[in-house]
Amino acid sequence: SLPSWDITQIVELLCQTDADLNLANKPGSGWAWPSLICAIANRHPESVLVLLRHGADRSLKTLTASADLPSGSTALDAASASQQPDSMALLLLGTAAPRPS
């Protein structure tokens, strides 16, 4: 049987293989969003932390729009639009953001 992987483990493995974390699909081939914004939009704060630790660029913007996010949005825009305080803290404070108790 195949091993069971969660998304954060997959992101970590991709980071360890020197995958281009800042690459986005070309417009017209689906969402043209960098991996950091995708992790936020899909509500994976653990993956956001992994991507930031490996140097994902916080300043990149979306090249296409979604129902909730216009083209040209940043990772912080995505976290704010989807009301994700954990991801917002990670983006603003860096990878050493305190965890709520």
PDB file of N, CA and C in Angstrom:
ATOM      1  N   SER A   1       0.842  -1.186   0.000  1.00  0.00           N
ATOM      2  CA  SER A   1       0.000   0.000   0.000  1.00  0.00           C
ATOM      3  C   SER A   1       0.880   1.239   0.000  1.00  0.00           C
ATOM      4  N   LEU A   2       0.345   2.327  -0.532  1.00  0.00           N
ATOM      5  CA  LEU A   2       1.081   3.583  -0.608  1.00  0.00           C
ATOM      6  C   LEU A   2       1.065   4.292   0.740  1.00  0.00           C
ATOM      7  N   PRO A   3       2.138   5.021   1.057  1.00  0.00           N
ATOM      8  CA  PRO A   3       2.140   5.766   2.315  1.00  0.00           C
ATOM      9  C   PRO A   3       1.111   6.894   2.270  1.00  0.00           C
ATOM     10  N   SER A   4       0.641   7.269   3.432  1.00  0.00           N
ATOM     11  CA  SER A   4      -0.304   8.370   3.535  1.00  0.00           C
ATOM     12  C   SER A   4       0.468   9.656   3.832  1.00  0.00           C
ATOM     13  N   TRP A   5       0.335  10.645   2.967  1.00  0.00           N
ATOM     14  CA  TRP A   5       1.053  11.905   3.125  1.00  0.00           C
ATOM     15  C   TRP A   5       0.052  13.025   3.369  1.00  0.00           C
ATOM     16  N   ASP A   6       0.424  13.963   4.223  1.00  0.00           N
ATOM     17  CA  ASP A   6      -0.407  15.154   4.320  1.00  0.00           C
ATOM     18  C   ASP A   6       0.253  16.260   3.498  1.00  0.00           C
ATOM     19  N   ILE A   7      -0.477  17.299   3.216  1.00  0.00           N
ATOM     20  CA  ILE A   7       0.001  18.356   2.313  1.00  0.00           C
ATOM     21  C   ILE A   7       1.273  19.016   2.829  1.00  0.00           C
ATOM     22  N   THR A   8       1.396  19.181   4.139  1.00  0.00           N
ATOM     23  CA  THR A   8       2.582  19.822   4.692  1.00  0.00           C
ATOM     24  C   THR A   8       3.831  18.973   4.447  1.00  0.00           C
ATOM     25  N   GLN A   9       3.713  17.658   4.547  1.00  0.00           N
ATOM     26  CA  GLN A   9       4.847  16.780   4.257  1.00  0.00           C
ATOM     27  C   GLN A   9       5.253  16.882   2.789  1.00  0.00           C
ATOM     28  N   ILE A  10       4.283  16.972   1.925  1.00  0.00           N
ATOM     29  CA  ILE A  10       4.575  17.096   0.493  1.00  0.00           C
ATOM     30  C   ILE A  10       5.270  18.422   0.207  1.00  0.00           C
ATOM     31  N   VAL A  11       4.783  19.499   0.813  1.00  0.00           N
ATOM     32  CA  VAL A  11       5.413  20.819   0.629  1.00  0.00           C
ATOM     33  C   VAL A  11       6.854  20.772   1.129  1.00  0.00           C
ATOM     34  N   GLU A  12       7.069  20.171   2.286  1.00  0.00           N
ATOM     35  CA  GLU A  12       8.431  20.063   2.837  1.00  0.00           C
ATOM     36  C   GLU A  12       9.342  19.295   1.885  1.00  0.00           C
ATOM     37  N   LEU A  13       8.875  18.184   1.346  1.00  0.00           N
ATOM     38  CA  LEU A  13       9.682  17.411   0.400  1.00  0.00           C
ATOM     39  C   LEU A  13      10.008  18.219  -0.851  1.00  0.00           C
ATOM     40  N   LEU A  14       9.031  18.955  -1.367  1.00  0.00           N
ATOM     41  CA  LEU A  14       9.290  19.793  -2.544  1.00  0.00           C
ATOM     42  C   LEU A  14      10.334  20.856  -2.234  1.00  0.00           C
ATOM     43  N   CYS A  15      10.243  21.454  -1.049  1.00  0.00           N
ATOM     44  CA  CYS A  15      11.223  22.467  -0.654  1.00  0.00           C
ATOM     45  C   CYS A  15      12.621  21.866  -0.549  1.00  0.00           C
ATOM     46  N   GLN A  16      12.714  20.663  -0.043  1.00  0.00           N
ATOM     47  CA  GLN A  16      14.008  20.008   0.119  1.00  0.00           C
ATOM     48  C   GLN A  16      14.627  19.600  -1.212  1.00  0.00           C
ATOM     49  N   THR A  17      13.834  19.530  -2.269  1.00  0.00           N
ATOM     50  CA  THR A  17      14.369  19.169  -3.591  1.00  0.00           C
ATOM     51  C   THR A  17      14.667  20.410  -4.427  1.00  0.00           C
ATOM     52  N   ASP A  18      14.693  21.571  -3.775  1.00  0.00           N
ATOM     53  CA  ASP A  18      14.987  22.835  -4.448  1.00  0.00           C
ATOM     54  C   ASP A  18      13.967  23.193  -5.518  1.00  0.00           C
ATOM     55  N   ALA A  19      12.712  22.820  -5.292  1.00  0.00           N
ATOM     56  CA  ALA A  19      11.641  23.235  -6.206  1.00  0.00           C
ATOM     57  C   ALA A  19      11.545  24.757  -6.193  1.00  0.00           C
ATOM     58  N   ASP A  20      11.153  25.353  -7.296  1.00  0.00           N
ATOM     59  CA  ASP A  20      10.985  26.806  -7.365  1.00  0.00           C
ATOM     60  C   ASP A  20       9.697  27.181  -6.640  1.00  0.00           C
ATOM     61  N   LEU A  21       9.824  27.652  -5.418  1.00  0.00           N
ATOM     62  CA  LEU A  21       8.665  27.978  -4.581  1.00  0.00           C
ATOM     63  C   LEU A  21       7.872  29.154  -5.101  1.00  0.00           C
ATOM     64  N   ASN A  22       8.493  29.967  -5.926  1.00  0.00           N
ATOM     65  CA  ASN A  22       7.857  31.198  -6.376  1.00  0.00           C
ATOM     66  C   ASN A  22       7.281  31.109  -7.782  1.00  0.00           C
ATOM     67  N   LEU A  23       7.359  29.936  -8.370  1.00  0.00           N
ATOM     68  CA  LEU A  23       6.831  29.730  -9.715  1.00  0.00           C
ATOM     69  C   LEU A  23       5.304  29.674  -9.683  1.00  0.00           C
ATOM     70  N   ALA A  24       4.677  30.320 -10.627  1.00  0.00           N
ATOM     71  CA  ALA A  24       3.221  30.258 -10.754  1.00  0.00           C
ATOM     72  C   ALA A  24       2.878  29.782 -12.160  1.00  0.00           C
ATOM     73  N   ASN A  25       1.722  29.155 -12.293  1.00  0.00           N
ATOM     74  CA  ASN A  25       1.269  28.753 -13.628  1.00  0.00           C
ATOM     75  C   ASN A  25       1.111  29.980 -14.510  1.00  0.00           C
ATOM     76  N   LYS A  26       1.233  29.783 -15.797  1.00  0.00           N
ATOM     77  CA  LYS A  26       0.983  30.873 -16.736  1.00  0.00           C
ATOM     78  C   LYS A  26      -0.516  31.152 -16.779  1.00  0.00           C
ATOM     79  N   PRO A  27      -0.909  32.426 -16.913  1.00  0.00           N
ATOM     80  CA  PRO A  27      -2.342  32.715 -17.062  1.00  0.00           C
ATOM     81  C   PRO A  27      -2.930  31.901 -18.204  1.00  0.00           C
ATOM     82  N   GLY A  28      -4.146  31.396 -17.994  1.00  0.00           N
ATOM     83  CA  GLY A  28      -4.806  30.574 -18.997  1.00  0.00           C
ATOM     84  C   GLY A  28      -4.661  29.086 -18.730  1.00  0.00           C
ATOM     85  N   SER A  29      -3.820  28.732 -17.741  1.00  0.00           N
ATOM     86  CA  SER A  29      -3.632  27.316 -17.418  1.00  0.00           C
ATOM     87  C   SER A  29      -4.113  27.022 -15.994  1.00  0.00           C
ATOM     88  N   GLY A  30      -5.143  27.701 -15.580  1.00  0.00           N
ATOM     89  CA  GLY A  30      -5.634  27.552 -14.209  1.00  0.00           C
ATOM     90  C   GLY A  30      -5.244  28.771 -13.396  1.00  0.00           C
ATOM     91  N   TRP A  31      -5.232  28.621 -12.102  1.00  0.00           N
ATOM     92  CA  TRP A  31      -4.833  29.735 -11.246  1.00  0.00           C
ATOM     93  C   TRP A  31      -3.368  30.041 -11.464  1.00  0.00           C
ATOM     94  N   ALA A  32      -3.042  31.268 -11.728  1.00  0.00           N
ATOM     95  CA  ALA A  32      -1.655  31.690 -11.879  1.00  0.00           C
ATOM     96  C   ALA A  32      -1.220  32.350 -10.567  1.00  0.00           C
ATOM     97  N   TRP A  33      -1.042  31.481  -9.569  1.00  0.00           N
ATOM     98  CA  TRP A  33      -0.706  31.949  -8.222  1.00  0.00           C
ATOM     99  C   TRP A  33       0.551  31.246  -7.726  1.00  0.00           C
ATOM    100  N   PRO A  34       1.437  31.978  -7.028  1.00  0.00           N
ATOM    101  CA  PRO A  34       2.590  31.335  -6.400  1.00  0.00           C
ATOM    102  C   PRO A  34       2.139  30.388  -5.278  1.00  0.00           C
ATOM    103  N   SER A  35       2.996  29.456  -4.921  1.00  0.00           N
ATOM    104  CA  SER A  35       2.641  28.426  -3.928  1.00  0.00           C
ATOM    105  C   SER A  35       2.237  29.000  -2.579  1.00  0.00           C
ATOM    106  N   LEU A  36       2.855  30.090  -2.143  1.00  0.00           N
ATOM    107  CA  LEU A  36       2.520  30.678  -0.843  1.00  0.00           C
ATOM    108  C   LEU A  36       1.066  31.136  -0.827  1.00  0.00           C
ATOM    109  N   ILE A  37       0.627  31.789  -1.881  1.00  0.00           N
ATOM    110  CA  ILE A  37      -0.757  32.267  -1.942  1.00  0.00           C
ATOM    111  C   ILE A  37      -1.720  31.081  -2.058  1.00  0.00           C
ATOM    112  N   CYS A  38      -1.324  30.046  -2.787  1.00  0.00           N
ATOM    113  CA  CYS A  38      -2.169  28.840  -2.874  1.00  0.00           C
ATOM    114  C   CYS A  38      -2.335  28.190  -1.510  1.00  0.00           C
ATOM    115  N   ALA A  39      -1.259  28.104  -0.741  1.00  0.00           N
ATOM    116  CA  ALA A  39      -1.344  27.501   0.594  1.00  0.00           C
ATOM    117  C   ALA A  39      -2.288  28.303   1.485  1.00  0.00           C
ATOM    118  N   ILE A  40      -2.231  29.623   1.374  1.00  0.00           N
ATOM    119  CA  ILE A  40      -3.128  30.468   2.167  1.00  0.00           C
ATOM    120  C   ILE A  40      -4.566  30.289   1.702  1.00  0.00           C
ATOM    121  N   ALA A  41      -4.784  30.351   0.404  1.00  0.00           N
ATOM    122  CA  ALA A  41      -6.143  30.239  -0.134  1.00  0.00           C
ATOM    123  C   ALA A  41      -6.783  28.893   0.209  1.00  0.00           C
ATOM    124  N   ASN A  42      -5.961  27.869   0.354  1.00  0.00           N
ATOM    125  CA  ASN A  42      -6.468  26.541   0.679  1.00  0.00           C
ATOM    126  C   ASN A  42      -6.423  26.242   2.180  1.00  0.00           C
ATOM    127  N   ARG A  43      -6.170  27.267   2.960  1.00  0.00           N
ATOM    128  CA  ARG A  43      -6.197  27.185   4.433  1.00  0.00           C
ATOM    129  C   ARG A  43      -5.257  26.120   4.993  1.00  0.00           C
ATOM    130  N   HIS A  44      -3.968  26.267   4.627  1.00  0.00           N
ATOM    131  CA  HIS A  44      -2.936  25.362   5.121  1.00  0.00           C
ATOM    132  C   HIS A  44      -1.831  26.167   5.807  1.00  0.00           C
ATOM    133  N   PRO A  45      -2.095  26.699   7.025  1.00  0.00           N
ATOM    134  CA  PRO A  45      -1.074  27.530   7.682  1.00  0.00           C
ATOM    135  C   PRO A  45       0.228  26.788   7.955  1.00  0.00           C
ATOM    136  N   GLU A  46       0.167  25.474   8.168  1.00  0.00           N
ATOM    137  CA  GLU A  46       1.395  24.717   8.381  1.00  0.00           C
ATOM    138  C   GLU A  46       2.259  24.740   7.116  1.00  0.00           C
ATOM    139  N   SER A  47       1.616  24.667   5.963  1.00  0.00           N
ATOM    140  CA  SER A  47       2.355  24.751   4.693  1.00  0.00           C
ATOM    141  C   SER A  47       2.894  26.158   4.474  1.00  0.00           C
ATOM    142  N   VAL A  48       2.143  27.167   4.896  1.00  0.00           N
ATOM    143  CA  VAL A  48       2.624  28.554   4.806  1.00  0.00           C
ATOM    144  C   VAL A  48       3.925  28.685   5.586  1.00  0.00           C
ATOM    145  N   LEU A  49       3.957  28.134   6.790  1.00  0.00           N
ATOM    146  CA  LEU A  49       5.156  28.195   7.625  1.00  0.00           C
ATOM    147  C   LEU A  49       6.337  27.505   6.945  1.00  0.00           C
ATOM    148  N   VAL A  50       6.113  26.324   6.386  1.00  0.00           N
ATOM    149  CA  VAL A  50       7.181  25.595   5.687  1.00  0.00           C
ATOM    150  C   VAL A  50       7.700  26.427   4.512  1.00  0.00           C
ATOM    151  N   LEU A  51       6.792  26.976   3.723  1.00  0.00           N
ATOM    152  CA  LEU A  51       7.207  27.773   2.554  1.00  0.00           C
ATOM    153  C   LEU A  51       8.001  29.003   2.978  1.00  0.00           C
ATOM    154  N   LEU A  52       7.569  29.681   4.026  1.00  0.00           N
ATOM    155  CA  LEU A  52       8.304  30.853   4.503  1.00  0.00           C
ATOM    156  C   LEU A  52       9.687  30.471   5.020  1.00  0.00           C
ATOM    157  N   ARG A  53       9.774  29.371   5.735  1.00  0.00           N
ATOM    158  CA  ARG A  53      11.078  28.905   6.238  1.00  0.00           C
ATOM    159  C   ARG A  53      12.041  28.607   5.103  1.00  0.00           C
ATOM    160  N   HIS A  54      11.510  28.212   3.970  1.00  0.00           N
ATOM    161  CA  HIS A  54      12.352  27.879   2.815  1.00  0.00           C
ATOM    162  C   HIS A  54      12.501  29.049   1.844  1.00  0.00           C
ATOM    163  N   GLY A  55      12.038  30.222   2.233  1.00  0.00           N
ATOM    164  CA  GLY A  55      12.307  31.420   1.443  1.00  0.00           C
ATOM    165  C   GLY A  55      11.275  31.823   0.412  1.00  0.00           C
ATOM    166  N   ALA A  56      10.034  31.386   0.551  1.00  0.00           N
ATOM    167  CA  ALA A  56       8.996  31.823  -0.393  1.00  0.00           C
ATOM    168  C   ALA A  56       8.876  33.345  -0.355  1.00  0.00           C
ATOM    169  N   ASP A  57       8.701  33.935  -1.500  1.00  0.00           N
ATOM    170  CA  ASP A  57       8.636  35.395  -1.640  1.00  0.00           C
ATOM    171  C   ASP A  57       7.245  35.897  -1.257  1.00  0.00           C
ATOM    172  N   ARG A  58       7.171  36.669  -0.172  1.00  0.00           N
ATOM    173  CA  ARG A  58       5.895  37.212   0.317  1.00  0.00           C
ATOM    174  C   ARG A  58       5.338  38.310  -0.580  1.00  0.00           C
ATOM    175  N   SER A  59       6.185  38.891  -1.414  1.00  0.00           N
ATOM    176  CA  SER A  59       5.756  40.053  -2.202  1.00  0.00           C
ATOM    177  C   SER A  59       5.135  39.683  -3.549  1.00  0.00           C
ATOM    178  N   LEU A  60       5.207  38.404  -3.951  1.00  0.00           N
ATOM    179  CA  LEU A  60       4.635  38.016  -5.242  1.00  0.00           C
ATOM    180  C   LEU A  60       3.124  38.209  -5.248  1.00  0.00           C
ATOM    181  N   LYS A  61       2.587  38.410  -6.433  1.00  0.00           N
ATOM    182  CA  LYS A  61       1.152  38.665  -6.582  1.00  0.00           C
ATOM    183  C   LYS A  61       0.503  37.643  -7.502  1.00  0.00           C
ATOM    184  N   THR A  62      -0.808  37.512  -7.355  1.00  0.00           N
ATOM    185  CA  THR A  62      -1.557  36.624  -8.242  1.00  0.00           C
ATOM    186  C   THR A  62      -1.603  37.234  -9.642  1.00  0.00           C
ATOM    187  N   LEU A  63      -1.609  36.379 -10.638  1.00  0.00           N
ATOM    188  CA  LEU A  63      -1.715  36.840 -12.023  1.00  0.00           C
ATOM    189  C   LEU A  63      -3.128  36.670 -12.560  1.00  0.00           C
ATOM    190  N   THR A  64      -3.943  35.942 -11.819  1.00  0.00           N
ATOM    191  CA  THR A  64      -5.339  35.738 -12.195  1.00  0.00           C
ATOM    192  C   THR A  64      -6.210  35.987 -10.966  1.00  0.00           C
ATOM    193  N   ALA A  65      -7.505  36.149 -11.186  1.00  0.00           N
ATOM    194  CA  ALA A  65      -8.446  36.429 -10.105  1.00  0.00           C
ATOM    195  C   ALA A  65      -9.238  35.180  -9.735  1.00  0.00           C
ATOM    196  N   SER A  66      -9.815  35.218  -8.544  1.00  0.00           N
ATOM    197  CA  SER A  66     -10.771  34.194  -8.127  1.00  0.00           C
ATOM    198  C   SER A  66     -12.027  34.934  -7.675  1.00  0.00           C
ATOM    199  N   ALA A  67     -13.009  34.197  -7.206  1.00  0.00           N
ATOM    200  CA  ALA A  67     -14.241  34.834  -6.732  1.00  0.00           C
ATOM    201  C   ALA A  67     -13.972  35.765  -5.555  1.00  0.00           C
ATOM    202  N   ASP A  68     -12.986  35.412  -4.723  1.00  0.00           N
ATOM    203  CA  ASP A  68     -12.706  36.186  -3.517  1.00  0.00           C
ATOM    204  C   ASP A  68     -11.486  37.083  -3.600  1.00  0.00           C
ATOM    205  N   LEU A  69     -10.677  36.923  -4.622  1.00  0.00           N
ATOM    206  CA  LEU A  69      -9.390  37.610  -4.677  1.00  0.00           C
ATOM    207  C   LEU A  69      -9.117  38.136  -6.080  1.00  0.00           C
ATOM    208  N   PRO A  70      -8.916  39.455  -6.209  1.00  0.00           N
ATOM    209  CA  PRO A  70      -8.640  40.003  -7.535  1.00  0.00           C
ATOM    210  C   PRO A  70      -7.214  39.693  -8.003  1.00  0.00           C
ATOM    211  N   SER A  71      -7.005  39.779  -9.283  1.00  0.00           N
ATOM    212  CA  SER A  71      -5.663  39.655  -9.836  1.00  0.00           C
ATOM    213  C   SER A  71      -4.787  40.746  -9.226  1.00  0.00           C
ATOM    214  N   GLY A  72      -3.533  40.430  -8.981  1.00  0.00           N
ATOM    215  CA  GLY A  72      -2.619  41.398  -8.386  1.00  0.00           C
ATOM    216  C   GLY A  72      -2.618  41.378  -6.867  1.00  0.00           C
ATOM    217  N   SER A  73      -3.235  40.363  -6.273  1.00  0.00           N
ATOM    218  CA  SER A  73      -3.292  40.260  -4.815  1.00  0.00           C
ATOM    219  C   SER A  73      -2.014  39.633  -4.267  1.00  0.00           C
ATOM    220  N   THR A  74      -1.642  40.053  -3.064  1.00  0.00           N
ATOM    221  CA  THR A  74      -0.476  39.498  -2.389  1.00  0.00           C
ATOM    222  C   THR A  74      -0.904  38.394  -1.419  1.00  0.00           C
ATOM    223  N   ALA A  75       0.072  37.745  -0.817  1.00  0.00           N
ATOM    224  CA  ALA A  75      -0.213  36.717   0.189  1.00  0.00           C
ATOM    225  C   ALA A  75      -0.980  37.317   1.364  1.00  0.00           C
ATOM    226  N   LEU A  76      -0.604  38.519   1.781  1.00  0.00           N
ATOM    227  CA  LEU A  76      -1.315  39.170   2.888  1.00  0.00           C
ATOM    228  C   LEU A  76      -2.754  39.489   2.498  1.00  0.00           C
ATOM    229  N   ASP A  77      -2.968  39.901   1.252  1.00  0.00           N
ATOM    230  CA  ASP A  77      -4.343  40.127   0.764  1.00  0.00           C
ATOM    231  C   ASP A  77      -5.153  38.842   0.864  1.00  0.00           C
ATOM    232  N   ALA A  78      -4.552  37.724   0.483  1.00  0.00           N
ATOM    233  CA  ALA A  78      -5.251  36.436   0.513  1.00  0.00           C
ATOM    234  C   ALA A  78      -5.586  36.030   1.938  1.00  0.00           C
ATOM    235  N   ALA A  79      -4.647  36.217   2.858  1.00  0.00           N
ATOM    236  CA  ALA A  79      -4.886  35.860   4.261  1.00  0.00           C
ATOM    237  C   ALA A  79      -5.973  36.738   4.867  1.00  0.00           C
ATOM    238  N   SER A  80      -5.960  38.004   4.517  1.00  0.00           N
ATOM    239  CA  SER A  80      -6.976  38.934   5.027  1.00  0.00           C
ATOM    240  C   SER A  80      -8.351  38.616   4.452  1.00  0.00           C
ATOM    241  N   ALA A  81      -8.412  38.380   3.146  1.00  0.00           N
ATOM    242  CA  ALA A  81      -9.691  38.097   2.488  1.00  0.00           C
ATOM    243  C   ALA A  81     -10.335  36.819   3.013  1.00  0.00           C
ATOM    244  N   SER A  82      -9.508  35.852   3.388  1.00  0.00           N
ATOM    245  CA  SER A  82     -10.044  34.585   3.874  1.00  0.00           C
ATOM    246  C   SER A  82     -10.061  34.507   5.401  1.00  0.00           C
ATOM    247  N   GLN A  83      -9.790  35.626   6.047  1.00  0.00           N
ATOM    248  CA  GLN A  83      -9.860  35.750   7.508  1.00  0.00           C
ATOM    249  C   GLN A  83      -9.050  34.661   8.211  1.00  0.00           C
ATOM    250  N   GLN A  84      -7.748  34.660   7.936  1.00  0.00           N
ATOM    251  CA  GLN A  84      -6.845  33.672   8.522  1.00  0.00           C
ATOM    252  C   GLN A  84      -5.783  34.373   9.372  1.00  0.00           C
ATOM    253  N   PRO A  85      -6.077  34.610  10.642  1.00  0.00           N
ATOM    254  CA  PRO A  85      -5.129  35.333  11.488  1.00  0.00           C
ATOM    255  C   PRO A  85      -3.782  34.627  11.655  1.00  0.00           C
ATOM    256  N   ASP A  86      -3.752  33.279  11.667  1.00  0.00           N
ATOM    257  CA  ASP A  86      -2.472  32.570  11.796  1.00  0.00           C
ATOM    258  C   ASP A  86      -1.559  32.860  10.611  1.00  0.00           C
ATOM    259  N   SER A  87      -2.121  32.786   9.409  1.00  0.00           N
ATOM    260  CA  SER A  87      -1.313  33.069   8.216  1.00  0.00           C
ATOM    261  C   SER A  87      -0.920  34.542   8.157  1.00  0.00           C
ATOM    262  N   MET A  88      -1.815  35.424   8.575  1.00  0.00           N
ATOM    263  CA  MET A  88      -1.486  36.848   8.596  1.00  0.00           C
ATOM    264  C   MET A  88      -0.319  37.104   9.544  1.00  0.00           C
ATOM    265  N   ALA A  89      -0.347  36.488  10.733  1.00  0.00           N
ATOM    266  CA  ALA A  89       0.744  36.661  11.695  1.00  0.00           C
ATOM    267  C   ALA A  89       2.059  36.135  11.136  1.00  0.00           C
ATOM    268  N   LEU A  90       2.023  34.983  10.490  1.00  0.00           N
ATOM    269  CA  LEU A  90       3.242  34.436   9.893  1.00  0.00           C
ATOM    270  C   LEU A  90       3.820  35.385   8.850  1.00  0.00           C
ATOM    271  N   LEU A  91       2.957  35.957   8.034  1.00  0.00           N
ATOM    272  CA  LEU A  91       3.419  36.866   6.988  1.00  0.00           C
ATOM    273  C   LEU A  91       3.965  38.167   7.565  1.00  0.00           C
ATOM    274  N   LEU A  92       3.322  38.665   8.608  1.00  0.00           N
ATOM    275  CA  LEU A  92       3.734  39.943   9.187  1.00  0.00           C
ATOM    276  C   LEU A  92       4.924  39.811  10.132  1.00  0.00           C
ATOM    277  N   LEU A  93       4.946  38.745  10.903  1.00  0.00           N
ATOM    278  CA  LEU A  93       5.974  38.589  11.934  1.00  0.00           C
ATOM    279  C   LEU A  93       7.100  37.656  11.525  1.00  0.00           C
ATOM    280  N   GLY A  94       6.914  36.923  10.474  1.00  0.00           N
ATOM    281  CA  GLY A  94       7.914  35.972  10.048  1.00  0.00           C
ATOM    282  C   GLY A  94       7.658  34.610  10.639  1.00  0.00           C
ATOM    283  N   THR A  95       8.616  33.717  10.487  1.00  0.00           N
ATOM    284  CA  THR A  95       8.414  32.333  10.898  1.00  0.00           C
ATOM    285  C   THR A  95       8.435  32.144  12.405  1.00  0.00           C
ATOM    286  N   ALA A  96       8.785  33.177  13.154  1.00  0.00           N
ATOM    287  CA  ALA A  96       8.832  33.065  14.617  1.00  0.00           C
ATOM    288  C   ALA A  96       7.557  33.585  15.258  1.00  0.00           C
ATOM    289  N   ALA A  97       6.483  33.632  14.510  1.00  0.00           N
ATOM    290  CA  ALA A  97       5.214  34.136  15.052  1.00  0.00           C
ATOM    291  C   ALA A  97       4.763  33.290  16.233  1.00  0.00           C
ATOM    292  N   PRO A  98       4.322  33.949  17.320  1.00  0.00           N
ATOM    293  CA  PRO A  98       3.880  33.179  18.490  1.00  0.00           C
ATOM    294  C   PRO A  98       2.592  32.417  18.195  1.00  0.00           C
ATOM    295  N   ARG A  99       2.445  31.263  18.813  1.00  0.00           N
ATOM    296  CA  ARG A  99       1.227  30.450  18.677  1.00  0.00           C
ATOM    297  C   ARG A  99       0.265  30.858  19.776  1.00  0.00           C
ATOM    298  N   PRO A 100      -1.018  31.036  19.457  1.00  0.00           N
ATOM    299  CA  PRO A 100      -1.977  31.346  20.505  1.00  0.00           C
ATOM    300  C   PRO A 100      -2.100  30.178  21.480  1.00  0.00           C
ATOM    301  N   SER A 101      -2.313  30.494  22.746  1.00  0.00           N
ATOM    302  CA  SER A 101      -2.431  29.411  23.734  1.00  0.00           C
ATOM    303  C   SER A 101      -3.863  29.055  24.022  1.00  0.00           C
TER     304      SER A 101
END
